[in-house]
C-alpha atoms as a PDB file:
ATOM      1  CA  MET A   1       0.008   0.002  -0.090  1.00  0.00           C
ATOM      2  CA  ILE A   2       1.188   3.394  -0.877  1.00  0.00           C
ATOM      3  CA  PHE A   3      -0.338   6.751   0.318  1.00  0.00           C
ATOM      4  CA  TRP A   4       0.707  10.351   0.121  1.00  0.00           C
ATOM      5  CA  CYS A   5       1.197  11.490   3.737  1.00  0.00           C
ATOM      6  CA  THR A   6      -0.357  14.781   4.175  1.00  0.00           C
ATOM      7  CA  LEU A   7      -1.614  14.183   7.741  1.00  0.00           C
ATOM      8  CA  ARG A   8       0.278  13.339  11.022  1.00  0.00           C
ATOM      9  CA  CYS A   9       0.685   9.492  11.138  1.00  0.00           C
ATOM     10  CA  CYS A  10       2.168   6.969  13.518  1.00  0.00           C
ATOM     11  CA  VAL A  11       3.200   3.716  12.168  1.00  0.00           C
ATOM     12  CA  ASN A  12       3.478   1.793  15.417  1.00  0.00           C
ATOM     13  CA  GLY A  13       0.204   2.674  16.915  1.00  0.00           C
ATOM     14  CA  ALA A  14       1.534   4.796  19.640  1.00  0.00           C
ATOM     15  CA  THR A  15      -0.487   8.014  20.505  1.00  0.00           C
ATOM     16  CA  ASP A  16       2.519  10.262  21.583  1.00  0.00           C
ATOM     17  CA  ILE A  17       4.405  11.505  18.490  1.00  0.00           C
ATOM     18  CA  LEU A  18       7.587  12.887  19.796  1.00  0.00           C
ATOM     19  CA  VAL A  19       8.880  14.092  16.356  1.00  0.00           C
ATOM     20  CA  SER A  20      10.083  17.813  15.790  1.00  0.00           C
ATOM     21  CA  MET A  21      13.341  19.461  14.594  1.00  0.00           C
ATOM     22  CA  LYS A  22      15.757  19.165  17.377  1.00  0.00           C
ATOM     23  CA  TYR A  23      18.344  21.876  16.575  1.00  0.00           C
ATOM     24  CA  PHE A  24      16.939  23.955  13.725  1.00  0.00           C
ATOM     25  CA  THR A  25      13.296  24.926  14.725  1.00  0.00           C
ATOM     26  CA  TYR A  26      11.435  27.406  12.714  1.00  0.00           C
ATOM     27  CA  GLN A  27      11.231  29.939  15.611  1.00  0.00           C
ATOM     28  CA  LEU A  28      15.059  30.030  15.652  1.00  0.00           C
ATOM     29  CA  ILE A  29      15.498  30.240  11.833  1.00  0.00           C
ATOM     30  CA  ALA A  30      12.827  33.026  11.646  1.00  0.00           C
ATOM     31  CA  ALA A  31      14.366  35.073  14.373  1.00  0.00           C
ATOM     32  CA  MET A  32      17.857  34.667  12.955  1.00  0.00           C
ATOM     33  CA  ASN A  33      16.784  35.790   9.547  1.00  0.00           C
ATOM     34  CA  ASP A  34      14.667  38.673  10.981  1.00  0.00           C
ATOM     35  CA  TRP A  35      11.405  37.448   9.495  1.00  0.00           C
ATOM     36  CA  THR A  36       9.601  38.365  12.658  1.00  0.00           C
ATOM     37  CA  GLU A  37       9.063  41.615  14.345  1.00  0.00           C
ATOM     38  CA  GLN A  38      11.715  41.965  17.017  1.00  0.00           C
ATOM     39  CA  SER A  39      14.309  44.129  18.219  1.00  0.00           C
ATOM     40  CA  GLU A  40      17.863  44.193  17.105  1.00  0.00           C
ATOM     41  CA  GLU A  41      18.962  42.700  20.475  1.00  0.00           C
ATOM     42  CA  MET A  42      16.661  39.674  19.892  1.00  0.00           C
ATOM     43  CA  ARG A  43      18.045  39.179  16.421  1.00  0.00           C
ATOM     44  CA  LEU A  44      21.479  39.217  17.622  1.00  0.00           C
ATOM     45  CA  ASP A  45      20.672  36.885  20.407  1.00  0.00           C
ATOM     46  CA  ALA A  46      19.171  34.549  17.589  1.00  0.00           C
ATOM     47  CA  ASP A  47      22.256  34.748  15.796  1.00  0.00           C
ATOM     48  CA  ARG A  48      24.112  33.587  18.797  1.00  0.00           C
ATOM     49  CA  ARG A  49      21.765  30.774  19.387  1.00  0.00           C
ATOM     50  CA  PHE A  50      21.825  29.636  15.844  1.00  0.00           C
ATOM     51  CA  SER A  51      25.768  29.449  15.897  1.00  0.00           C
ATOM     52  CA  GLU A  52      25.545  27.303  19.073  1.00  0.00           C
ATOM     53  CA  ALA A  53      23.078  25.136  17.391  1.00  0.00           C
ATOM     54  CA  VAL A  54      25.222  24.537  14.334  1.00  0.00           C
ATOM     55  CA  ASN A  55      28.135  23.607  16.557  1.00  0.00           C
ATOM     56  CA  HIS A  56      26.165  21.267  18.753  1.00  0.00           C
ATOM     57  CA  TYR A  57      24.508  19.689  15.533  1.00  0.00           C
ATOM     58  CA  HIS A  58      27.996  19.123  13.944  1.00  0.00           C
ATOM     59  CA  GLY A  59      29.282  17.668  17.219  1.00  0.00           C
ATOM     60  CA  SER A  60      26.336  15.286  17.356  1.00  0.00           C
ATOM     61  CA  LEU A  61      27.213  13.930  13.839  1.00  0.00           C
ATOM     62  CA  GLN A  62      30.091  11.985  15.187  1.00  0.00           C
ATOM     63  CA  GLU A  63      27.624   9.793  17.148  1.00  0.00           C
ATOM     64  CA  LEU A  64      25.882   9.043  13.723  1.00  0.00           C
ATOM     65  CA  ARG A  65      29.020   7.966  11.858  1.00  0.00           C
ATOM     66  CA  PRO A  66      28.739   4.122  12.626  1.00  0.00           C
ATOM     67  CA  ARG A  67      25.119   4.071  12.000  1.00  0.00           C
ATOM     68  CA  ILE A  68      24.844   5.404   8.360  1.00  0.00           C
ATOM     69  CA  ASN A  69      26.878   4.624   5.375  1.00  0.00           C
ATOM     70  CA  ARG A  70      29.944   6.735   4.466  1.00  0.00           C
ATOM     71  CA  GLN A  71      28.262   8.678   1.503  1.00  0.00           C
ATOM     72  CA  ALA A  72      25.258   9.613   3.664  1.00  0.00           C
ATOM     73  CA  TRP A  73      27.627  10.750   6.590  1.00  0.00           C
ATOM     74  CA  HIS A  74      29.754  12.989   4.462  1.00  0.00           C
ATOM     75  CA  PHE A  75      26.557  14.560   2.922  1.00  0.00           C
ATOM     76  CA  PHE A  76      25.295  15.569   6.347  1.00  0.00           C
ATOM     77  CA  ALA A  77      28.668  16.603   7.596  1.00  0.00           C
ATOM     78  CA  ASN A  78      29.858  18.482   4.492  1.00  0.00           C
ATOM     79  CA  GLY A  79      26.803  18.899   2.240  1.00  0.00           C
ATOM     80  CA  HIS A  80      26.719  22.791   1.979  1.00  0.00           C
ATOM     81  CA  GLY A  81      26.196  25.371  -0.653  1.00  0.00           C
ATOM     82  CA  ARG A  82      25.945  23.939  -4.082  1.00  0.00           C
ATOM     83  CA  LEU A  83      25.956  20.293  -2.751  1.00  0.00           C
ATOM     84  CA  GLY A  84      23.444  21.012   0.049  1.00  0.00           C
ATOM     85  CA  LEU A  85      19.545  20.948   0.108  1.00  0.00           C
ATOM     86  CA  HIS A  86      19.142  24.776   0.584  1.00  0.00           C
ATOM     87  CA  ASP A  87      16.378  26.069  -1.807  1.00  0.00           C
ATOM     88  CA  VAL A  88      15.687  22.472  -3.161  1.00  0.00           C
ATOM     89  CA  ARG A  89      12.044  21.536  -3.937  1.00  0.00           C
ATOM     90  CA  LEU A  90      10.168  18.489  -2.779  1.00  0.00           C
ATOM     91  CA  ILE A  91       9.444  16.329  -5.674  1.00  0.00           C
ATOM     92  CA  SER A  92       7.543  13.567  -3.836  1.00  0.00           C
ATOM     93  CA  LEU A  93       6.932  12.187  -0.295  1.00  0.00           C
ATOM     94  CA  SER A  94       5.675   8.584  -0.225  1.00  0.00           C
ATOM     95  CA  ILE A  95       5.176   6.113   2.602  1.00  0.00           C
ATOM     96  CA  GLY A  96       3.796   2.697   2.555  1.00  0.00           C
ATOM     97  CA  ASP A  97       4.306  -1.084   2.987  1.00  0.00           C
ATOM     98  CA  GLY A  98       5.284  -1.492  -0.700  1.00  0.00           C
ATOM     99  CA  LEU A  99       7.036   1.280  -2.263  1.00  0.00           C
ATOM    100  CA  ASP A 100       8.811  -0.955  -4.673  1.00  0.00           C
ATOM    101  CA  TYR A 101       5.971  -3.377  -5.263  1.00  0.00           C
ATOM    102  CA  ARG A 102       4.301  -3.365  -8.713  1.00  0.00           C
ATOM    103  CA  PRO A 103       0.685  -4.300  -8.518  1.00  0.00           C
ATOM    104  CA  ASP A 104       0.528  -5.816 -11.984  1.00  0.00           C
ATOM    105  CA  GLY A 105      -0.627  -9.272 -10.960  1.00  0.00           C
ATOM    106  CA  ALA A 106       2.856 -10.862 -11.869  1.00  0.00           C
ATOM    107  CA  CYS A 107       3.790 -11.745  -8.219  1.00  0.00           C
ATOM    108  CA  PRO A 108       2.098 -11.792  -4.723  1.00  0.00           C
ATOM    109  CA  PHE A 109       2.308  -8.908  -2.311  1.00  0.00           C
ATOM    110  CA  ARG A 110       3.559 -10.901   0.578  1.00  0.00           C
ATOM    111  CA  VAL A 111       1.721  -9.292   3.536  1.00  0.00           C
ATOM    112  CA  ASN A 112       3.579 -10.999   6.262  1.00  0.00           C
ATOM    113  CA  ARG A 113       7.061  -9.890   4.889  1.00  0.00           C
ATOM    114  CA  GLN A 114       6.421  -6.121   4.589  1.00  0.00           C
ATOM    115  CA  ARG A 115       8.009  -3.225   6.536  1.00  0.00           C
ATOM    116  CA  THR A 116       6.849   0.288   6.590  1.00  0.00           C
ATOM    117  CA  ALA A 117       9.194   2.624   4.457  1.00  0.00           C
ATOM    118  CA  ALA A 118       9.227   6.006   3.204  1.00  0.00           C
ATOM    119  CA  ARG A 119      11.002   7.681   0.129  1.00  0.00           C
ATOM    120  CA  ILE A 120      11.597  11.580  -0.082  1.00  0.00           C
ATOM    121  CA  LEU A 121      12.889  13.056  -3.320  1.00  0.00           C
ATOM    122  CA  PHE A 122      14.277  16.614  -3.736  1.00  0.00           C
ATOM    123  CA  LEU A 123      15.444  18.433  -6.773  1.00  0.00           C
ATOM    124  CA  ASN A 124      18.038  21.151  -6.441  1.00  0.00           C
ATOM    125  CA  HIS A 125      17.508  24.688  -7.603  1.00  0.00           C
ATOM    126  CA  GLU A 126      19.692  24.297 -10.661  1.00  0.00           C
ATOM    127  CA  GLN A 127      17.735  21.044 -11.558  1.00  0.00           C
ATOM    128  CA  ASP A 128      20.851  18.937 -12.080  1.00  0.00           C
ATOM    129  CA  LEU A 129      20.943  17.157  -8.867  1.00  0.00           C
ATOM    130  CA  LEU A 130      18.264  14.531  -7.578  1.00  0.00           C
ATOM    131  CA  TYR A 131      18.406  13.716  -3.788  1.00  0.00           C
ATOM    132  CA  THR A 132      16.746  10.441  -2.651  1.00  0.00           C
ATOM    133  CA  PHE A 133      16.355   9.510   1.033  1.00  0.00           C
ATOM    134  CA  ASP A 134      14.981   5.945   1.435  1.00  0.00           C
ATOM    135  CA  LEU A 135      13.971   5.410   5.111  1.00  0.00           C
ATOM    136  CA  LYS A 136      13.562   1.620   6.115  1.00  0.00           C
ATOM    137  CA  GLY A 137      11.730   0.586   9.315  1.00  0.00           C
ATOM    138  CA  VAL A 138       9.707   3.782   9.731  1.00  0.00           C
ATOM    139  CA  ASP A 139       8.445   3.954  13.245  1.00  0.00           C
ATOM    140  CA  ARG A 140       6.920   7.460  13.294  1.00  0.00           C
ATOM    141  CA  MET A 141       6.394  10.200  10.746  1.00  0.00           C
ATOM    142  CA  SER A 142       4.929  13.840  10.985  1.00  0.00           C
ATOM    143  CA  ASN A 143       4.399  16.682   8.567  1.00  0.00           C
ATOM    144  CA  ASP A 144       2.550  19.769   8.215  1.00  0.00           C
ATOM    145  CA  LEU A 145       3.234  20.563   4.654  1.00  0.00           C
ATOM    146  CA  LEU A 146      -0.043  22.195   4.128  1.00  0.00           C
ATOM    147  CA  ARG A 147       0.037  24.345   7.251  1.00  0.00           C
ATOM    148  CA  SER A 148      -0.575  27.741   5.639  1.00  0.00           C
ATOM    149  CA  GLU A 149      -4.025  29.171   5.754  1.00  0.00           C
ATOM    150  CA  ALA A 150      -3.388  31.178   2.703  1.00  0.00           C
ATOM    151  CA  PRO A 151      -3.913  29.648  -0.734  1.00  0.00           C
ATOM    152  CA  ASN A 152      -0.623  27.880  -1.891  1.00  0.00           C
ATOM    153  CA  TRP A 153       0.172  26.719  -5.378  1.00  0.00           C
ATOM    154  CA  CYS A 154       3.325  24.837  -4.246  1.00  0.00           C
ATOM    155  CA  LEU A 155       5.052  23.726  -1.150  1.00  0.00           C
ATOM    156  CA  GLY A 156       8.033  26.227  -1.809  1.00  0.00           C
ATOM    157  CA  ASP A 157      11.834  25.953  -0.966  1.00  0.00           C
ATOM    158  CA  LEU A 158      13.285  23.890   1.677  1.00  0.00           C
ATOM    159  CA  PHE A 159      15.433  26.009   4.165  1.00  0.00           C
ATOM    160  CA  THR A 160      17.419  23.473   6.174  1.00  0.00           C
ATOM    161  CA  TYR A 161      17.628  19.893   7.464  1.00  0.00           C
ATOM    162  CA  GLU A 162      19.009  17.686  10.138  1.00  0.00           C
ATOM    163  CA  ILE A 163      19.640  14.052  11.165  1.00  0.00           C
ATOM    164  CA  THR A 164      19.859  13.059  14.843  1.00  0.00           C
ATOM    165  CA  VAL A 165      20.005   9.790  17.053  1.00  0.00           C
ATOM    166  CA  VAL A 166      16.802   9.064  18.846  1.00  0.00           C
ATOM    167  CA  ASP A 167      17.996   5.877  20.688  1.00  0.00           C
ATOM    168  CA  LYS A 168      20.051   2.826  19.932  1.00  0.00           C
ATOM    169  CA  ASN A 169      17.550   1.543  17.365  1.00  0.00           C
ATOM    170  CA  LEU A 170      16.105   4.853  15.897  1.00  0.00           C
ATOM    171  CA  LEU A 171      17.370   7.714  13.907  1.00  0.00           C
ATOM    172  CA  GLN A 172      15.345  10.905  13.071  1.00  0.00           C
ATOM    173  CA  LEU A 173      15.519  12.948   9.772  1.00  0.00           C
ATOM    174  CA  GLY A 174      13.918  16.303   9.623  1.00  0.00           C
ATOM    175  CA  PHE A 175      13.386  18.823   6.863  1.00  0.00           C
ATOM    176  CA  LEU A 176      12.296  22.449   7.443  1.00  0.00           C
ATOM    177  CA  PHE A 177      10.773  24.498   4.607  1.00  0.00           C
ATOM    178  CA  ALA A 178      10.936  28.283   4.498  1.00  0.00           C
ATOM    179  CA  SER A 179       7.201  28.399   5.078  1.00  0.00           C
ATOM    180  CA  GLY A 180       7.792  26.886   8.427  1.00  0.00           C
ATOM    181  CA  ALA A 181       6.330  23.451   7.325  1.00  0.00           C
ATOM    182  CA  THR A 182       8.176  20.435   8.440  1.00  0.00           C
ATOM    183  CA  ILE A 183       8.794  16.672   7.579  1.00  0.00           C
ATOM    184  CA  VAL A 184      10.123  14.599  10.342  1.00  0.00           C
ATOM    185  CA  ALA A 185      10.490  10.776  10.542  1.00  0.00           C
ATOM    186  CA  GLN A 186      11.941   8.277  12.818  1.00  0.00           C
ATOM    187  CA  PHE A 187      13.261   4.998  11.410  1.00  0.00           C
ATOM    188  CA  THR A 188      15.911   2.224  11.739  1.00  0.00           C
ATOM    189  CA  ASN A 189      18.084   2.570   8.474  1.00  0.00           C
ATOM    190  CA  LEU A 190      18.606   5.283   5.885  1.00  0.00           C
ATOM    191  CA  ILE A 191      19.728   4.783   2.089  1.00  0.00           C
ATOM    192  CA  PHE A 192      20.880   8.127   0.546  1.00  0.00           C
ATOM    193  CA  ARG A 193      21.565   8.728  -3.076  1.00  0.00           C
ATOM    194  CA  ARG A 194      22.619  12.008  -4.927  1.00  0.00           C
ATOM    195  CA  GLN A 195      22.176  11.619  -8.627  1.00  0.00           C
ATOM    196  CA  ARG A 196      23.481  14.055 -11.235  1.00  0.00           C
ATOM    197  CA  ILE A 197      21.117  14.905 -13.973  1.00  0.00           C
ATOM    198  CA  LYS A 198      22.080  16.037 -17.469  1.00  0.00           C
ATOM    199  CA  ARG A 199      19.868  18.918 -17.951  1.00  0.00           C
ATOM    200  CA  GLU A 200      18.824  19.414 -21.580  1.00  0.00           C
ATOM    201  CA  TYR A 201      16.851  22.767 -21.249  1.00  0.00           C
ATOM    202  CA  PRO A 202      18.154  26.323 -20.412  1.00  0.00           C
ATOM    203  CA  ALA A 203      18.055  27.624 -16.835  1.00  0.00           C
ATOM    204  CA  ARG A 204      15.493  30.260 -17.954  1.00  0.00           C
ATOM    205  CA  ASP A 205      12.825  27.694 -18.588  1.00  0.00           C
ATOM    206  CA  VAL A 206      12.613  26.776 -14.926  1.00  0.00           C
ATOM    207  CA  TYR A 207      10.537  29.919 -14.425  1.00  0.00           C
ATOM    208  CA  ARG A 208       8.258  29.700 -17.338  1.00  0.00           C
END
């Protein structure tokens, strides 16, 4: 089964969903970028707190090193600027028990062997890099992508992201959009891919 996750969901049946951005909350990002009405002193304090959050986050990545593959760890540790996710667009978010299953009648969907998984795809601003995050053993997932009360024709740009340790079994991956919307998931294993795309159209066509 595959469905688009537009509501808060909990895979394991627990009622308490403890998923949120740990280091880079929207409140901090908005204050740091002066998106809210505040004093100069408050903005400077947000700058200080953001710098502290960055340092604490990069320190926490060492704990992750043995739990994700080398390509994924180097991306989260060094994926900034051109190779990072700032200003990328969400192409798709899917979650289900059979993301790779083809319901064409050729083979059975073995219901007793399935495990919930999620797949998140992002395309960079230049449209020449596709990022895929395959999350295995999904335990919890939350998102509020459609949080805005005003009409939106698209979900907009991603602003930042983070990966953290929940416990000895679970990791957490979080994405924060410029709108304040988030996608946060807890899972057991991550498969990360960054694929270069040969763009065959001029950059100006992106805005047509």
